């Protein structure tokens, strides 16, 4: 499959996972009364699960079932690393580099999306 098609599918496949992350976070905290710490962890797991399925089977067209245990652990590690790096880098961009918060978030998400694509492709093509 061409890299440009993979990139397009990667980006489109990430949209539902983003909606699930924010939607479940808001539902759990606003309606469910869950603390934001626990809601973040649950939302991350739900989002990562959906994103795993979309990236593996649709974006990268990787159909092997026997690779799911290894790939799911690698993908969860990527999701947690992405989350931690996002928070840390936004703080650096705002506090040290004097970006506006929304500009920092946009820059960080763009940088990390590029890295995430490369790592995700490696997970599903290895």
Protein backbone atom coordinates (compact mmCIF):
# COMPACT_ATOMS: atom_id res chain seq x y z
CA UNK A 1 0.00 0.00 0.00
CA UNK A 2 1.28 3.48 -0.82
CA UNK A 3 2.55 5.60 2.05
CA UNK A 4 0.26 8.52 1.11
CA UNK A 5 -2.79 6.25 1.39
CA UNK A 6 -1.56 4.96 4.75
CA UNK A 7 -1.07 8.52 6.02
CA UNK A 8 -4.58 9.50 4.93
CA UNK A 9 -6.13 6.43 6.53
CA UNK A 10 -4.02 6.94 9.66
CA UNK A 11 -5.32 10.50 10.08
CA UNK A 12 -8.94 9.65 9.28
CA UNK A 13 -8.80 6.57 11.54
CA UNK A 14 -7.57 8.70 14.42
CA UNK A 15 -10.62 10.97 14.35
CA UNK A 16 -13.13 8.49 15.85
CA UNK A 17 -10.61 7.58 18.56
CA UNK A 18 -10.22 11.26 19.43
CA UNK A 19 -14.00 11.65 19.65
CA UNK A 20 -14.21 8.56 21.88
CA UNK A 21 -11.45 9.92 24.14
CA UNK A 22 -13.04 13.32 24.73
CA UNK A 23 -16.61 11.99 24.69
CA UNK A 24 -15.95 9.28 27.26
CA UNK A 25 -13.89 11.65 29.41
CA UNK A 26 -16.69 14.23 29.48
CA UNK A 27 -19.38 11.60 30.03
CA UNK A 28 -17.50 9.94 32.88
CA UNK A 29 -16.65 13.22 34.65
CA UNK A 30 -19.82 15.23 34.01
CA UNK A 31 -22.50 12.54 34.11
CA UNK A 32 -20.78 9.68 35.90
CA UNK A 33 -19.13 11.75 38.62
CA UNK A 34 -15.78 10.03 38.07
CA UNK A 35 -12.59 11.90 38.99
CA UNK A 36 -10.69 13.38 36.07
CA UNK A 37 -7.69 11.16 36.84
CA UNK A 38 -9.66 7.92 36.53
CA UNK A 39 -11.72 9.26 33.64
CA UNK A 40 -8.53 10.07 31.74
CA UNK A 41 -7.24 6.53 32.18
CA UNK A 42 -10.54 4.93 31.13
CA UNK A 43 -10.89 7.28 28.16
CA UNK A 44 -7.32 6.52 27.10
CA UNK A 45 -7.97 2.76 27.18
CA UNK A 46 -11.24 3.05 25.23
CA UNK A 47 -9.69 5.38 22.69
CA UNK A 48 -6.56 3.25 22.30
CA UNK A 49 -8.69 0.12 21.78
CA UNK A 50 -10.71 1.70 19.00
CA UNK A 51 -7.64 3.30 17.46
CA UNK A 52 -5.81 -0.06 17.53
CA UNK A 53 -8.58 -1.76 15.57
CA UNK A 54 -8.89 1.06 13.03
CA UNK A 55 -5.15 1.38 12.48
CA UNK A 56 -4.41 -2.35 12.33
CA UNK A 57 -7.24 -3.54 10.13
CA UNK A 58 -8.08 -0.43 8.08
CA UNK A 59 -5.19 2.05 7.87
CA UNK A 60 -2.40 -0.52 7.57
CA UNK A 61 -4.48 -3.46 6.29
CA UNK A 62 -2.77 -5.90 8.68
CA UNK A 63 -5.11 -8.88 9.05
CA UNK A 64 -3.07 -11.39 11.10
CA UNK A 65 -4.90 -12.34 14.30
CA UNK A 66 -1.92 -14.12 15.89
CA UNK A 67 -0.01 -10.81 16.13
CA UNK A 68 -2.71 -9.06 18.20
CA UNK A 69 -1.24 -9.73 21.69
CA UNK A 70 2.19 -8.32 20.83
CA UNK A 71 0.85 -5.46 18.76
CA UNK A 72 -1.76 -4.45 21.33
CA UNK A 73 0.88 -4.13 24.06
CA UNK A 74 3.13 -2.13 21.78
CA UNK A 75 0.23 0.08 20.74
CA UNK A 76 -0.85 0.68 24.35
CA UNK A 77 2.71 1.71 25.16
CA UNK A 78 2.61 4.11 22.24
CA UNK A 79 -0.72 5.58 23.41
CA UNK A 80 0.55 6.16 26.95
CA UNK A 81 3.81 7.64 25.64
CA UNK A 82 1.86 9.90 23.30
CA UNK A 83 -0.31 11.13 26.16
CA UNK A 84 2.65 11.84 28.47
CA UNK A 85 4.65 13.52 25.70
CA UNK A 86 1.64 15.66 24.74
CA UNK A 87 1.19 17.04 28.22
CA UNK A 88 4.91 17.62 28.78
CA UNK A 89 5.53 19.24 25.39
CA UNK A 90 2.53 21.58 25.65
CA UNK A 91 3.87 22.83 28.99
CA UNK A 92 7.33 23.33 27.47
CA UNK A 93 5.93 25.15 24.44
CA UNK A 94 3.77 27.45 26.58
CA UNK A 95 6.05 28.06 29.57
CA UNK A 96 9.49 28.00 27.95
CA UNK A 97 8.89 28.89 24.31
CA UNK A 98 6.02 31.33 25.02
CA UNK A 99 3.53 29.82 22.55
CA UNK A 100 -0.16 30.48 23.08
CA UNK A 101 -1.86 27.39 24.47
CA UNK A 102 -3.84 26.53 21.33
CA UNK A 103 -0.79 27.13 19.11
CA UNK A 104 1.31 24.94 21.38
CA UNK A 105 -1.31 22.19 21.26
CA UNK A 106 -1.51 22.36 17.47
CA UNK A 107 2.29 22.25 17.10
CA UNK A 108 2.68 19.38 19.56
CA UNK A 109 -0.13 17.33 18.01
CA UNK A 110 1.41 17.82 14.55
CA UNK A 111 4.88 16.79 15.71
CA UNK A 112 3.60 13.78 17.63
CA UNK A 113 1.25 12.68 14.86
CA UNK A 114 4.23 12.38 12.53
CA UNK A 115 6.17 10.30 15.04
CA UNK A 116 3.07 8.29 15.92
CA UNK A 117 2.49 7.40 12.26
CA UNK A 118 6.04 6.09 11.88
CA UNK A 119 5.86 4.05 15.09
CA UNK A 120 2.37 2.72 14.34
CA UNK A 121 3.44 1.67 10.85
CA UNK A 122 6.40 -0.16 12.38
CA UNK A 123 4.12 -1.95 14.86
CA UNK A 124 1.77 -3.18 12.13
CA UNK A 125 4.33 -4.01 9.45
CA UNK A 126 6.87 -5.78 11.62
